[in-house]
PDB file of all heavy atoms in Angstrom:
ATOM      1  N   LEU A   1      -9.637   9.805   0.424  1.00  0.00           N
ATOM      2  CA  LEU A   1      -9.894  11.008  -0.364  1.00  0.00           C
ATOM      3  C   LEU A   1      -9.076  11.021  -1.656  1.00  0.00           C
ATOM      4  O   LEU A   1      -9.531  11.546  -2.685  1.00  0.00           O
ATOM      5  CB  LEU A   1      -9.566  12.254   0.468  1.00  0.00           C
ATOM      6  CG  LEU A   1     -10.505  12.582   1.627  1.00  0.00           C
ATOM      7  CD1 LEU A   1      -9.941  13.729   2.452  1.00  0.00           C
ATOM      8  CD2 LEU A   1     -11.903  12.940   1.116  1.00  0.00           C
ATOM      9  N   ALA A   2      -7.874  10.449  -1.584  1.00  0.00           N
ATOM     10  CA  ALA A   2      -6.995  10.422  -2.762  1.00  0.00           C
ATOM     11  C   ALA A   2      -7.328   9.275  -3.710  1.00  0.00           C
ATOM     12  O   ALA A   2      -6.644   9.092  -4.729  1.00  0.00           O
ATOM     13  CB  ALA A   2      -5.535  10.323  -2.319  1.00  0.00           C
ATOM     14  N   GLY A   3      -8.361   8.505  -3.365  1.00  0.00           N
ATOM     15  CA  GLY A   3      -8.780   7.427  -4.256  1.00  0.00           C
ATOM     16  C   GLY A   3      -8.221   6.069  -3.912  1.00  0.00           C
ATOM     17  O   GLY A   3      -8.441   5.095  -4.663  1.00  0.00           O
ATOM     18  N   GLY A   4      -7.497   5.951  -2.801  1.00  0.00           N
ATOM     19  CA  GLY A   4      -6.953   4.667  -2.398  1.00  0.00           C
ATOM     20  C   GLY A   4      -7.911   3.892  -1.505  1.00  0.00           C
ATOM     21  O   GLY A   4      -9.058   4.299  -1.289  1.00  0.00           O
ATOM     22  N   ASP A   5      -7.422   2.794  -0.961  1.00  0.00           N
ATOM     23  CA  ASP A   5      -8.227   1.917  -0.098  1.00  0.00           C
ATOM     24  C   ASP A   5      -7.585   1.875   1.282  1.00  0.00           C
ATOM     25  O   ASP A   5      -6.607   1.147   1.496  1.00  0.00           O
ATOM     26  CB  ASP A   5      -8.306   0.520  -0.715  1.00  0.00           C
ATOM     27  CG  ASP A   5      -9.212  -0.421   0.070  1.00  0.00           C
ATOM     28  OD1 ASP A   5      -9.552  -0.104   1.223  1.00  0.00           O
ATOM     29  OD2 ASP A   5      -9.565  -1.483  -0.467  1.00  0.00           O
ATOM     30  N   ALA A   6      -8.111   2.663   2.210  1.00  0.00           N
ATOM     31  CA  ALA A   6      -7.498   2.761   3.537  1.00  0.00           C
ATOM     32  C   ALA A   6      -7.486   1.422   4.249  1.00  0.00           C
ATOM     33  O   ALA A   6      -6.509   1.080   4.932  1.00  0.00           O
ATOM     34  CB  ALA A   6      -8.233   3.807   4.372  1.00  0.00           C
ATOM     35  N   GLU A   7      -8.568   0.661   4.126  1.00  0.00           N
ATOM     36  CA  GLU A   7      -8.621  -0.629   4.810  1.00  0.00           C
ATOM     37  C   GLU A   7      -7.512  -1.551   4.339  1.00  0.00           C
ATOM     38  O   GLU A   7      -6.878  -2.256   5.140  1.00  0.00           O
ATOM     39  CB  GLU A   7      -9.980  -1.281   4.596  1.00  0.00           C
ATOM     40  CG  GLU A   7     -10.153  -2.577   5.386  1.00  0.00           C
ATOM     41  CD  GLU A   7     -11.536  -3.172   5.249  1.00  0.00           C
ATOM     42  OE1 GLU A   7     -12.416  -2.531   4.620  1.00  0.00           O
ATOM     43  OE2 GLU A   7     -11.745  -4.293   5.778  1.00  0.00           O
ATOM     44  N   ALA A   8      -7.250  -1.542   3.028  1.00  0.00           N
ATOM     45  CA  ALA A   8      -6.168  -2.371   2.497  1.00  0.00           C
ATOM     46  C   ALA A   8      -4.814  -1.905   3.035  1.00  0.00           C
ATOM     47  O   ALA A   8      -3.943  -2.717   3.360  1.00  0.00           O
ATOM     48  CB  ALA A   8      -6.175  -2.324   0.971  1.00  0.00           C
ATOM     49  N   TRP A   9      -4.648  -0.586   3.162  1.00  0.00           N
ATOM     50  CA  TRP A   9      -3.397  -0.061   3.712  1.00  0.00           C
ATOM     51  C   TRP A   9      -3.237  -0.444   5.187  1.00  0.00           C
ATOM     52  O   TRP A   9      -2.125  -0.674   5.650  1.00  0.00           O
ATOM     53  CB  TRP A   9      -3.352   1.463   3.547  1.00  0.00           C
ATOM     54  CG  TRP A   9      -2.790   1.867   2.219  1.00  0.00           C
ATOM     55  CD1 TRP A   9      -3.347   1.673   0.993  1.00  0.00           C
ATOM     56  CD2 TRP A   9      -1.538   2.503   1.997  1.00  0.00           C
ATOM     57  NE1 TRP A   9      -2.527   2.144   0.003  1.00  0.00           N
ATOM     58  CE2 TRP A   9      -1.407   2.676   0.597  1.00  0.00           C
ATOM     59  CE3 TRP A   9      -0.523   2.960   2.829  1.00  0.00           C
ATOM     60  CZ2 TRP A   9      -0.287   3.275   0.021  1.00  0.00           C
ATOM     61  CZ3 TRP A   9       0.588   3.566   2.260  1.00  0.00           C
ATOM     62  CH2 TRP A   9       0.705   3.713   0.871  1.00  0.00           C
ATOM     63  N   GLN A  10      -4.337  -0.518   5.898  1.00  0.00           N
ATOM     64  CA  GLN A  10      -4.275  -0.924   7.300  1.00  0.00           C
ATOM     65  C   GLN A  10      -3.944  -2.406   7.456  1.00  0.00           C
ATOM     66  O   GLN A  10      -3.448  -2.823   8.510  1.00  0.00           O
ATOM     67  CB  GLN A  10      -5.611  -0.603   7.984  1.00  0.00           C
ATOM     68  CG  GLN A  10      -5.847   0.891   8.168  1.00  0.00           C
ATOM     69  CD  GLN A  10      -7.293   1.238   8.454  1.00  0.00           C
ATOM     70  OE1 GLN A  10      -8.194   0.444   8.161  1.00  0.00           O
ATOM     71  NE2 GLN A  10      -7.529   2.419   9.016  1.00  0.00           N
ATOM     72  N   ASN A  11      -4.188  -3.181   6.427  1.00  0.00           N
ATOM     73  CA  ASN A  11      -3.906  -4.625   6.475  1.00  0.00           C
ATOM     74  C   ASN A  11      -2.602  -5.001   5.790  1.00  0.00           C
ATOM     75  O   ASN A  11      -2.303  -6.185   5.627  1.00  0.00           O
ATOM     76  CB  ASN A  11      -5.059  -5.395   5.833  1.00  0.00           C
ATOM     77  CG  ASN A  11      -6.320  -5.340   6.670  1.00  0.00           C
ATOM     78  OD1 ASN A  11      -6.248  -5.379   7.905  1.00  0.00           O
ATOM     79  ND2 ASN A  11      -7.473  -5.213   6.031  1.00  0.00           N
ATOM     80  N   ARG A  12      -1.835  -4.018   5.360  1.00  0.00           N
ATOM     81  CA  ARG A  12      -0.526  -4.302   4.769  1.00  0.00           C
ATOM     82  C   ARG A  12       0.421  -4.856   5.836  1.00  0.00           C
ATOM     83  O   ARG A  12       0.123  -4.847   7.023  1.00  0.00           O
ATOM     84  CB  ARG A  12       0.059  -3.028   4.160  1.00  0.00           C
ATOM     85  CG  ARG A  12      -0.581  -2.630   2.839  1.00  0.00           C
ATOM     86  CD  ARG A  12       0.166  -1.475   2.208  1.00  0.00           C
ATOM     87  NE  ARG A  12      -0.206  -1.309   0.805  1.00  0.00           N
ATOM     88  CZ  ARG A  12       0.499  -0.606  -0.074  1.00  0.00           C
ATOM     89  NH1 ARG A  12       1.615   0.027   0.314  1.00  0.00           N
ATOM     90  NH2 ARG A  12       0.099  -0.506  -1.320  1.00  0.00           N
ATOM     91  N   ASP A  13       1.592  -5.313   5.382  1.00  0.00           N
ATOM     92  CA  ASP A  13       2.587  -5.843   6.316  1.00  0.00           C
ATOM     93  C   ASP A  13       2.905  -4.798   7.376  1.00  0.00           C
ATOM     94  O   ASP A  13       3.003  -3.598   7.088  1.00  0.00           O
ATOM     95  CB  ASP A  13       3.870  -6.226   5.573  1.00  0.00           C
ATOM     96  CG  ASP A  13       3.679  -7.457   4.706  1.00  0.00           C
ATOM     97  OD1 ASP A  13       2.697  -8.187   4.925  1.00  0.00           O
ATOM     98  OD2 ASP A  13       4.502  -7.661   3.792  1.00  0.00           O
ATOM     99  N   LYS A  14       3.048  -5.283   8.585  1.00  0.00           N
ATOM    100  CA  LYS A  14       3.321  -4.379   9.694  1.00  0.00           C
ATOM    101  C   LYS A  14       4.689  -3.744   9.553  1.00  0.00           C
ATOM    102  O   LYS A  14       5.677  -4.407   9.203  1.00  0.00           O
ATOM    103  CB  LYS A  14       3.231  -5.145  11.024  1.00  0.00           C
ATOM    104  CG  LYS A  14       3.348  -4.276  12.253  1.00  0.00           C
ATOM    105  CD  LYS A  14       3.091  -5.096  13.504  1.00  0.00           C
ATOM    106  CE  LYS A  14       3.114  -4.232  14.749  1.00  0.00           C
ATOM    107  NZ  LYS A  14       2.796  -5.006  15.967  1.00  0.00           N
ATOM    108  N   TYR A  15       4.739  -2.445   9.878  1.00  0.00           N
ATOM    109  CA  TYR A  15       6.019  -1.755   9.866  1.00  0.00           C
ATOM    110  C   TYR A  15       6.818  -2.139  11.108  1.00  0.00           C
ATOM    111  O   TYR A  15       6.329  -2.026  12.233  1.00  0.00           O
ATOM    112  CB  TYR A  15       5.816  -0.238   9.845  1.00  0.00           C
ATOM    113  CG  TYR A  15       7.110   0.535   9.931  1.00  0.00           C
ATOM    114  CD1 TYR A  15       7.935   0.662   8.821  1.00  0.00           C
ATOM    115  CD2 TYR A  15       7.512   1.127  11.128  1.00  0.00           C
ATOM    116  CE1 TYR A  15       9.126   1.368   8.890  1.00  0.00           C
ATOM    117  CE2 TYR A  15       8.702   1.839  11.203  1.00  0.00           C
ATOM    118  CZ  TYR A  15       9.501   1.949  10.085  1.00  0.00           C
ATOM    119  OH  TYR A  15      10.693   2.635  10.156  1.00  0.00           O
ATOM    120  N   VAL A  16       8.026  -2.609  10.908  1.00  0.00           N
ATOM    121  CA  VAL A  16       8.905  -2.989  12.016  1.00  0.00           C
ATOM    122  C   VAL A  16      10.093  -2.034  12.014  1.00  0.00           C
ATOM    123  O   VAL A  16      10.920  -2.073  11.095  1.00  0.00           O
ATOM    124  CB  VAL A  16       9.397  -4.441  11.886  1.00  0.00           C
ATOM    125  CG1 VAL A  16      10.325  -4.786  13.048  1.00  0.00           C
ATOM    126  CG2 VAL A  16       8.219  -5.403  11.819  1.00  0.00           C
ATOM    127  N   PRO A  17      10.173  -1.152  13.003  1.00  0.00           N
ATOM    128  CA  PRO A  17      11.283  -0.185  13.010  1.00  0.00           C
ATOM    129  C   PRO A  17      12.615  -0.875  13.237  1.00  0.00           C
ATOM    130  O   PRO A  17      12.701  -1.907  13.906  1.00  0.00           O
ATOM    131  CB  PRO A  17      10.936   0.734  14.185  1.00  0.00           C
ATOM    132  CG  PRO A  17      10.065  -0.098  15.068  1.00  0.00           C
ATOM    133  CD  PRO A  17       9.291  -1.007  14.161  1.00  0.00           C
ATOM    134  N   LYS A  18      13.632  -0.307  12.649  1.00  0.00           N
ATOM    135  CA  LYS A  18      14.982  -0.832  12.843  1.00  0.00           C
ATOM    136  C   LYS A  18      15.467  -0.428  14.233  1.00  0.00           C
ATOM    137  O   LYS A  18      15.359   0.733  14.627  1.00  0.00           O
ATOM    138  CB  LYS A  18      15.930  -0.302  11.773  1.00  0.00           C
ATOM    139  CG  LYS A  18      15.565  -0.722  10.352  1.00  0.00           C
ATOM    140  CD  LYS A  18      16.550  -0.141   9.346  1.00  0.00           C
ATOM    141  CE  LYS A  18      16.211  -0.599   7.938  1.00  0.00           C
ATOM    142  NZ  LYS A  18      14.913  -0.100   7.472  1.00  0.00           N
ATOM    143  N   VAL A  19      15.961  -1.375  14.993  1.00  0.00           N
ATOM    144  CA  VAL A  19      16.492  -1.107  16.331  1.00  0.00           C
ATOM    145  C   VAL A  19      18.010  -1.056  16.245  1.00  0.00           C
ATOM    146  O   VAL A  19      18.651  -2.026  15.836  1.00  0.00           O
ATOM    147  CB  VAL A  19      16.063  -2.202  17.339  1.00  0.00           C
ATOM    148  CG1 VAL A  19      16.641  -1.901  18.713  1.00  0.00           C
ATOM    149  CG2 VAL A  19      14.544  -2.285  17.399  1.00  0.00           C
ATOM    150  N   ALA A  20      18.557   0.085  16.596  1.00  0.00           N
ATOM    151  CA  ALA A  20      20.007   0.246  16.490  1.00  0.00           C
ATOM    152  C   ALA A  20      20.716  -0.614  17.532  1.00  0.00           C
ATOM    153  O   ALA A  20      20.274  -0.728  18.676  1.00  0.00           O
ATOM    154  CB  ALA A  20      20.385   1.707  16.685  1.00  0.00           C
ATOM    155  N   ASP A  21      21.801  -1.241  17.114  1.00  0.00           N
ATOM    156  CA  ASP A  21      22.627  -1.992  18.061  1.00  0.00           C
ATOM    157  C   ASP A  21      23.352  -1.013  18.976  1.00  0.00           C
ATOM    158  O   ASP A  21      23.898  -0.002  18.527  1.00  0.00           O
ATOM    159  CB  ASP A  21      23.648  -2.852  17.323  1.00  0.00           C
ATOM    160  CG  ASP A  21      23.016  -4.074  16.688  1.00  0.00           C
ATOM    161  OD1 ASP A  21      22.160  -4.685  17.343  1.00  0.00           O
ATOM    162  OD2 ASP A  21      23.365  -4.392  15.536  1.00  0.00           O
ATOM    163  N   ASN A  22      23.340  -1.304  20.260  1.00  0.00           N
ATOM    164  CA  ASN A  22      24.084  -0.499  21.220  1.00  0.00           C
ATOM    165  C   ASN A  22      25.242  -1.311  21.760  1.00  0.00           C
ATOM    166  O   ASN A  22      25.094  -2.490  22.087  1.00  0.00           O
ATOM    167  CB  ASN A  22      23.184  -0.072  22.386  1.00  0.00           C
ATOM    168  CG  ASN A  22      22.135   0.932  21.963  1.00  0.00           C
ATOM    169  OD1 ASN A  22      21.023   0.573  21.640  1.00  0.00           O
ATOM    170  ND2 ASN A  22      22.506   2.207  21.940  1.00  0.00           N
ATOM    171  N   THR A  23      26.383  -0.695  21.858  1.00  0.00           N
ATOM    172  CA  THR A  23      27.510  -1.361  22.468  1.00  0.00           C
ATOM    173  C   THR A  23      27.495  -1.075  23.965  1.00  0.00           C
ATOM    174  O   THR A  23      26.833  -0.155  24.433  1.00  0.00           O
ATOM    175  CB  THR A  23      28.831  -0.848  21.867  1.00  0.00           C
ATOM    176  OG1 THR A  23      28.892   0.572  22.034  1.00  0.00           O
ATOM    177  CG2 THR A  23      28.903  -1.170  20.384  1.00  0.00           C
ATOM    178  N   ASP A  24      28.219  -1.881  24.701  1.00  0.00           N
ATOM    179  CA  ASP A  24      28.309  -1.646  26.133  1.00  0.00           C
ATOM    180  C   ASP A  24      28.942  -0.280  26.403  1.00  0.00           C
ATOM    181  O   ASP A  24      29.791   0.190  25.637  1.00  0.00           O
ATOM    182  CB  ASP A  24      29.148  -2.741  26.803  1.00  0.00           C
ATOM    183  CG  ASP A  24      28.442  -4.085  26.789  1.00  0.00           C
ATOM    184  OD1 ASP A  24      27.271  -4.132  26.370  1.00  0.00           O
ATOM    185  OD2 ASP A  24      29.069  -5.084  27.181  1.00  0.00           O
ATOM    186  N   LEU A  25      28.505   0.335  27.483  1.00  0.00           N
ATOM    187  CA  LEU A  25      28.976   1.669  27.827  1.00  0.00           C
ATOM    188  C   LEU A  25      29.608   1.666  29.206  1.00  0.00           C
ATOM    189  O   LEU A  25      29.256   0.846  30.063  1.00  0.00           O
ATOM    190  CB  LEU A  25      27.813   2.657  27.815  1.00  0.00           C
ATOM    191  CG  LEU A  25      27.067   2.849  26.492  1.00  0.00           C
ATOM    192  CD1 LEU A  25      25.830   3.716  26.716  1.00  0.00           C
ATOM    193  CD2 LEU A  25      27.976   3.480  25.450  1.00  0.00           C
ATOM    194  N   ASP A  26      30.532   2.587  29.408  1.00  0.00           N
ATOM    195  CA  ASP A  26      31.133   2.798  30.722  1.00  0.00           C
ATOM    196  C   ASP A  26      30.927   4.250  31.120  1.00  0.00           C
ATOM    197  O   ASP A  26      31.150   5.164  30.321  1.00  0.00           O
ATOM    198  CB  ASP A  26      32.633   2.485  30.690  1.00  0.00           C
ATOM    199  CG  ASP A  26      32.909   1.001  30.573  1.00  0.00           C
ATOM    200  OD1 ASP A  26      32.783   0.288  31.583  1.00  0.00           O
ATOM    201  OD2 ASP A  26      33.229   0.552  29.446  1.00  0.00           O
ATOM    202  N   THR A  27      30.510   4.470  32.361  1.00  0.00           N
ATOM    203  CA  THR A  27      30.275   5.826  32.833  1.00  0.00           C
ATOM    204  C   THR A  27      30.486   5.883  34.336  1.00  0.00           C
ATOM    205  O   THR A  27      30.687   4.844  34.989  1.00  0.00           O
ATOM    206  CB  THR A  27      28.846   6.276  32.460  1.00  0.00           C
ATOM    207  OG1 THR A  27      28.715   7.672  32.713  1.00  0.00           O
ATOM    208  CG2 THR A  27      27.800   5.510  33.254  1.00  0.00           C
ATOM    209  N   ASP A  28      30.437   7.073  34.895  1.00  0.00           N
ATOM    210  CA  ASP A  28      30.550   7.211  36.350  1.00  0.00           C
ATOM    211  C   ASP A  28      29.215   6.892  37.032  1.00  0.00           C
ATOM    212  O   ASP A  28      29.155   6.133  37.995  1.00  0.00           O
ATOM    213  CB  ASP A  28      30.986   8.632  36.721  1.00  0.00           C
ATOM    214  CG  ASP A  28      32.371   8.980  36.225  1.00  0.00           C
ATOM    215  OD1 ASP A  28      33.233   8.073  36.199  1.00  0.00           O
ATOM    216  OD2 ASP A  28      32.600  10.138  35.841  1.00  0.00           O
TER     217      ASP A  28
END
C-alpha cells in the first residue's frame, strides 16, 4: 500500500535475533 515491494522484503536477509549470553547460575 505504501508503494514498496512486499515480495522483495520477504526475500531480504533473514533476521537473526541476538541471543544473550547467560552465565552459570546457582540456586536452591
